[in-house]
Amino acid sequence: MSLFHQTWFRYFDRELDRVPVLPDREAMTSGEWNAFVGSTGERLAGKQLWRGGKKVLYRNFKPKGGGEVDIVYRDGEILVFGEVKTRSRGAFGEPARAVDRAKRRLILRGANAWLRALNHPEVLFRFDVIEVLLHPGTRPQIRISEGAFTAPQIGLGM
């Protein structure tokens, strides 16, 4: 991306710097609310990664054989499979606890499919958890836990 485009993006897109305006939770079904919070968190996570110099390659990767990865990106020479967890309530740090053994299996299946599609390249990769907190009256809080888990923790090899 050119310096002009980077400057333009930072000037015009200030979503990470603004206090979010959340819709009335009571006026939505729980499914609508969860979809809103999840998609907002993934969008903000992508913007935060971009701001940090990382290149987002794909969002919501769901291969035919199963599995899922919220966001695939490059951190220098490292390929990263990221899980985004967004909350609008609770203490900071809680979202990562939702990445349990079953969720890690889904992410690993998605990562395996991604690597198969690339014909199993010799590439360094890791698994990150990106926590996004959306609290009324405050700017979004985003924390990236690099290397949050590894393949052996879930009993499956790459």
C-alpha atoms as a PDB file:
ATOM      1  CA  MET A   1       0.000   0.000   0.000  1.00  0.00           C
ATOM      2  CA  SER A   2       1.390   3.392  -0.968  1.00  0.00           C
ATOM      3  CA  LEU A   3       2.222   6.064   1.561  1.00  0.00           C
ATOM      4  CA  PHE A   4      -0.612   8.179   0.125  1.00  0.00           C
ATOM      5  CA  HIS A   5      -3.152   5.404   0.778  1.00  0.00           C
ATOM      6  CA  GLN A   6      -1.817   4.784   4.288  1.00  0.00           C
ATOM      7  CA  THR A   7      -2.063   8.480   5.115  1.00  0.00           C
ATOM      8  CA  TRP A   8      -5.552   8.733   3.606  1.00  0.00           C
ATOM      9  CA  PHE A   9      -6.740   5.707   5.572  1.00  0.00           C
ATOM     10  CA  ARG A  10      -5.406   7.063   8.865  1.00  0.00           C
ATOM     11  CA  TYR A  11      -6.938  10.470   8.213  1.00  0.00           C
ATOM     12  CA  PHE A  12     -10.414   9.340   7.175  1.00  0.00           C
ATOM     13  CA  ASP A  13     -10.892   6.123   9.105  1.00  0.00           C
ATOM     14  CA  ARG A  14     -10.829   6.851  12.798  1.00  0.00           C
ATOM     15  CA  GLU A  15     -13.111   4.036  13.972  1.00  0.00           C
ATOM     16  CA  LEU A  16     -10.428   2.727  16.339  1.00  0.00           C
ATOM     17  CA  ASP A  17     -10.075   6.189  17.852  1.00  0.00           C
ATOM     18  CA  ARG A  18     -13.787   6.852  18.406  1.00  0.00           C
ATOM     19  CA  VAL A  19     -16.133   5.772  21.139  1.00  0.00           C
ATOM     20  CA  PRO A  20     -18.436   3.223  19.486  1.00  0.00           C
ATOM     21  CA  VAL A  21     -22.148   3.887  19.273  1.00  0.00           C
ATOM     22  CA  LEU A  22     -23.740   0.587  20.190  1.00  0.00           C
ATOM     23  CA  PRO A  23     -27.351  -0.121  19.258  1.00  0.00           C
ATOM     24  CA  ASP A  24     -29.958  -0.828  21.907  1.00  0.00           C
ATOM     25  CA  ARG A  25     -29.264  -4.397  22.958  1.00  0.00           C
ATOM     26  CA  GLU A  26     -32.847  -4.886  24.168  1.00  0.00           C
ATOM     27  CA  ALA A  27     -34.233  -4.039  20.718  1.00  0.00           C
ATOM     28  CA  MET A  28     -32.332  -6.936  19.116  1.00  0.00           C
ATOM     29  CA  THR A  29     -32.550 -10.699  19.393  1.00  0.00           C
ATOM     30  CA  SER A  30     -29.562 -12.386  20.995  1.00  0.00           C
ATOM     31  CA  GLY A  31     -28.535 -13.729  17.574  1.00  0.00           C
ATOM     32  CA  GLU A  32     -28.666 -10.271  15.999  1.00  0.00           C
ATOM     33  CA  TRP A  33     -26.689  -8.794  18.889  1.00  0.00           C
ATOM     34  CA  ASN A  34     -24.035 -11.531  18.746  1.00  0.00           C
ATOM     35  CA  ALA A  35     -23.696 -11.119  14.974  1.00  0.00           C
ATOM     36  CA  PHE A  36     -23.337  -7.340  15.351  1.00  0.00           C
ATOM     37  CA  VAL A  37     -20.750  -7.589  18.125  1.00  0.00           C
ATOM     38  CA  GLY A  38     -18.809 -10.341  16.335  1.00  0.00           C
ATOM     39  CA  SER A  39     -18.648  -8.603  12.955  1.00  0.00           C
ATOM     40  CA  THR A  40     -17.746  -5.279  14.587  1.00  0.00           C
ATOM     41  CA  GLY A  41     -14.952  -6.938  16.554  1.00  0.00           C
ATOM     42  CA  GLU A  42     -13.538  -8.665  13.476  1.00  0.00           C
ATOM     43  CA  ARG A  43     -13.592  -5.413  11.498  1.00  0.00           C
ATOM     44  CA  LEU A  44     -11.837  -3.530  14.301  1.00  0.00           C
ATOM     45  CA  ALA A  45      -9.291  -6.328  14.751  1.00  0.00           C
ATOM     46  CA  GLY A  46      -8.444  -6.147  11.041  1.00  0.00           C
ATOM     47  CA  LYS A  47      -7.965  -2.385  11.285  1.00  0.00           C
ATOM     48  CA  GLN A  48      -5.766  -2.733  14.372  1.00  0.00           C
ATOM     49  CA  LEU A  49      -3.623  -5.360  12.631  1.00  0.00           C
ATOM     50  CA  TRP A  50      -3.252  -3.084   9.600  1.00  0.00           C
ATOM     51  CA  ARG A  51      -2.279  -0.168  11.825  1.00  0.00           C
ATOM     52  CA  GLY A  52       0.337  -2.386  13.390  1.00  0.00           C
ATOM     53  CA  GLY A  53       1.916  -3.121  10.010  1.00  0.00           C
ATOM     54  CA  LYS A  54       0.421  -6.563   9.536  1.00  0.00           C
ATOM     55  CA  LYS A  55      -1.152  -7.695   6.260  1.00  0.00           C
ATOM     56  CA  VAL A  56      -4.620  -9.221   6.489  1.00  0.00           C
ATOM     57  CA  LEU A  57      -4.962 -11.963   3.895  1.00  0.00           C
ATOM     58  CA  TYR A  58      -8.440 -13.307   4.587  1.00  0.00           C
ATOM     59  CA  ARG A  59     -11.359 -12.947   6.986  1.00  0.00           C
ATOM     60  CA  ASN A  60     -13.804 -15.685   7.957  1.00  0.00           C
ATOM     61  CA  PHE A  61     -12.023 -18.583   6.273  1.00  0.00           C
ATOM     62  CA  LYS A  62     -14.337 -21.626   6.310  1.00  0.00           C
ATOM     63  CA  PRO A  63     -13.048 -24.516   4.188  1.00  0.00           C
ATOM     64  CA  LYS A  64     -15.387 -27.150   2.748  1.00  0.00           C
ATOM     65  CA  GLY A  65     -14.043 -29.917   4.988  1.00  0.00           C
ATOM     66  CA  GLY A  66     -14.814 -28.017   8.177  1.00  0.00           C
ATOM     67  CA  GLY A  67     -12.907 -25.717  10.452  1.00  0.00           C
ATOM     68  CA  GLU A  68     -12.783 -21.963  10.631  1.00  0.00           C
ATOM     69  CA  VAL A  69     -10.330 -19.136  11.071  1.00  0.00           C
ATOM     70  CA  ASP A  70     -11.586 -15.627  11.818  1.00  0.00           C
ATOM     71  CA  ILE A  71      -8.616 -13.834  10.330  1.00  0.00           C
ATOM     72  CA  VAL A  72      -5.498 -14.983   8.467  1.00  0.00           C
ATOM     73  CA  TYR A  73      -2.671 -12.464   8.322  1.00  0.00           C
ATOM     74  CA  ARG A  74       1.058 -12.012   7.923  1.00  0.00           C
ATOM     75  CA  ASP A  75       3.252 -10.673  10.662  1.00  0.00           C
ATOM     76  CA  GLY A  76       6.481 -10.173   8.754  1.00  0.00           C
ATOM     77  CA  GLU A  77       7.437 -13.643   7.533  1.00  0.00           C
ATOM     78  CA  ILE A  78       5.061 -15.415   9.929  1.00  0.00           C
ATOM     79  CA  LEU A  79       1.657 -16.652   8.777  1.00  0.00           C
ATOM     80  CA  VAL A  80      -0.870 -16.125  11.557  1.00  0.00           C
ATOM     81  CA  PHE A  81      -4.218 -17.788  12.130  1.00  0.00           C
ATOM     82  CA  GLY A  82      -6.178 -15.493  14.429  1.00  0.00           C
ATOM     83  CA  GLU A  83      -9.291 -16.020  16.496  1.00  0.00           C
ATOM     84  CA  VAL A  84     -11.187 -12.821  17.317  1.00  0.00           C
ATOM     85  CA  LYS A  85     -13.214 -12.741  20.519  1.00  0.00           C
ATOM     86  CA  THR A  86     -15.346  -9.677  21.138  1.00  0.00           C
ATOM     87  CA  ARG A  87     -17.292  -8.747  24.238  1.00  0.00           C
ATOM     88  CA  SER A  88     -19.429  -5.794  25.203  1.00  0.00           C
ATOM     89  CA  ARG A  89     -19.484  -6.716  28.894  1.00  0.00           C
ATOM     90  CA  GLY A  90     -17.067  -8.183  31.411  1.00  0.00           C
ATOM     91  CA  ALA A  91     -13.487  -7.659  32.448  1.00  0.00           C
ATOM     92  CA  PHE A  92     -10.690  -7.342  29.899  1.00  0.00           C
ATOM     93  CA  GLY A  93      -9.055 -10.694  29.317  1.00  0.00           C
ATOM     94  CA  GLU A  94     -12.234 -12.767  29.542  1.00  0.00           C
ATOM     95  CA  PRO A  95     -12.768 -13.204  25.789  1.00  0.00           C
ATOM     96  CA  ALA A  96      -9.697 -15.429  25.360  1.00  0.00           C
ATOM     97  CA  ARG A  97     -11.110 -17.960  27.819  1.00  0.00           C
ATOM     98  CA  ALA A  98     -13.781 -18.754  25.232  1.00  0.00           C
ATOM     99  CA  VAL A  99     -11.099 -20.299  23.003  1.00  0.00           C
ATOM    100  CA  ASP A 100     -11.479 -23.756  24.495  1.00  0.00           C
ATOM    101  CA  ARG A 101     -10.292 -27.138  23.224  1.00  0.00           C
ATOM    102  CA  ALA A 102     -13.195 -27.515  20.762  1.00  0.00           C
ATOM    103  CA  LYS A 103     -12.633 -24.026  19.337  1.00  0.00           C
ATOM    104  CA  ARG A 104      -8.909 -24.671  18.967  1.00  0.00           C
ATOM    105  CA  ARG A 105      -9.718 -27.845  17.012  1.00  0.00           C
ATOM    106  CA  LEU A 106     -11.875 -25.832  14.579  1.00  0.00           C
ATOM    107  CA  ILE A 107      -9.099 -23.278  14.124  1.00  0.00           C
ATOM    108  CA  LEU A 108      -6.522 -25.998  13.575  1.00  0.00           C
ATOM    109  CA  ARG A 109      -8.726 -27.674  10.950  1.00  0.00           C
ATOM    110  CA  GLY A 110      -9.020 -24.332   9.168  1.00  0.00           C
ATOM    111  CA  ALA A 111      -5.263 -23.772   9.386  1.00  0.00           C
ATOM    112  CA  ASN A 112      -4.604 -27.266   7.995  1.00  0.00           C
ATOM    113  CA  ALA A 113      -6.937 -26.547   5.066  1.00  0.00           C
ATOM    114  CA  TRP A 114      -5.185 -23.230   4.390  1.00  0.00           C
ATOM    115  CA  LEU A 115      -1.766 -24.883   4.394  1.00  0.00           C
ATOM    116  CA  ARG A 116      -3.023 -27.752   2.182  1.00  0.00           C
ATOM    117  CA  ALA A 117      -4.327 -25.206  -0.322  1.00  0.00           C
ATOM    118  CA  LEU A 118      -0.802 -23.733  -0.434  1.00  0.00           C
ATOM    119  CA  ASN A 119       0.662 -27.244  -0.901  1.00  0.00           C
ATOM    120  CA  HIS A 120       2.158 -27.331   2.624  1.00  0.00           C
ATOM    121  CA  PRO A 121       4.775 -24.580   2.240  1.00  0.00           C
ATOM    122  CA  GLU A 122       7.772 -24.344   4.538  1.00  0.00           C
ATOM    123  CA  VAL A 123       6.446 -21.368   6.448  1.00  0.00           C
ATOM    124  CA  LEU A 124       6.487 -20.324  10.072  1.00  0.00           C
ATOM    125  CA  PHE A 125       3.018 -19.929  11.526  1.00  0.00           C
ATOM    126  CA  ARG A 126       1.354 -19.292  14.850  1.00  0.00           C
ATOM    127  CA  PHE A 127      -2.067 -19.038  16.439  1.00  0.00           C
ATOM    128  CA  ASP A 128      -3.135 -15.712  17.977  1.00  0.00           C
ATOM    129  CA  VAL A 129      -6.189 -14.677  19.947  1.00  0.00           C
ATOM    130  CA  ILE A 130      -7.362 -11.110  19.416  1.00  0.00           C
ATOM    131  CA  GLU A 131      -9.571  -9.736  22.164  1.00  0.00           C
ATOM    132  CA  VAL A 132     -11.855  -6.799  21.412  1.00  0.00           C
ATOM    133  CA  LEU A 133     -13.839  -5.023  24.104  1.00  0.00           C
ATOM    134  CA  LEU A 134     -16.667  -2.699  23.155  1.00  0.00           C
ATOM    135  CA  HIS A 135     -17.853  -0.816  26.214  1.00  0.00           C
ATOM    136  CA  PRO A 136     -20.238   2.140  25.966  1.00  0.00           C
ATOM    137  CA  GLY A 137     -18.485   5.430  26.565  1.00  0.00           C
ATOM    138  CA  THR A 138     -14.947   4.186  25.854  1.00  0.00           C
ATOM    139  CA  ARG A 139     -12.831   3.592  22.767  1.00  0.00           C
ATOM    140  CA  PRO A 140     -12.517  -0.035  21.637  1.00  0.00           C
ATOM    141  CA  GLN A 141      -9.849  -1.940  23.536  1.00  0.00           C
ATOM    142  CA  ILE A 142      -7.904  -4.491  21.506  1.00  0.00           C
ATOM    143  CA  ARG A 143      -5.286  -6.912  22.768  1.00  0.00           C
ATOM    144  CA  ILE A 144      -3.425  -9.426  20.626  1.00  0.00           C
ATOM    145  CA  SER A 145      -2.132 -12.536  22.397  1.00  0.00           C
ATOM    146  CA  GLU A 146       0.568 -13.786  20.045  1.00  0.00           C
ATOM    147  CA  GLY A 147       1.140 -17.533  20.120  1.00  0.00           C
ATOM    148  CA  ALA A 148      -1.891 -17.989  22.367  1.00  0.00           C
ATOM    149  CA  PHE A 149      -1.882 -21.730  21.715  1.00  0.00           C
ATOM    150  CA  THR A 150       0.006 -24.313  19.708  1.00  0.00           C
ATOM    151  CA  ALA A 151      -1.047 -27.366  17.712  1.00  0.00           C
ATOM    152  CA  PRO A 152       0.217 -29.968  20.238  1.00  0.00           C
ATOM    153  CA  GLN A 153      -2.088 -28.529  22.947  1.00  0.00           C
ATOM    154  CA  ILE A 154      -5.065 -29.826  21.053  1.00  0.00           C
ATOM    155  CA  GLY A 155      -3.647 -33.233  20.277  1.00  0.00           C
ATOM    156  CA  LEU A 156      -3.411 -32.869  16.501  1.00  0.00           C
ATOM    157  CA  GLY A 157      -0.325 -32.425  14.368  1.00  0.00           C
ATOM    158  CA  MET A 158       0.175 -30.097  11.481  1.00  0.00           C
END
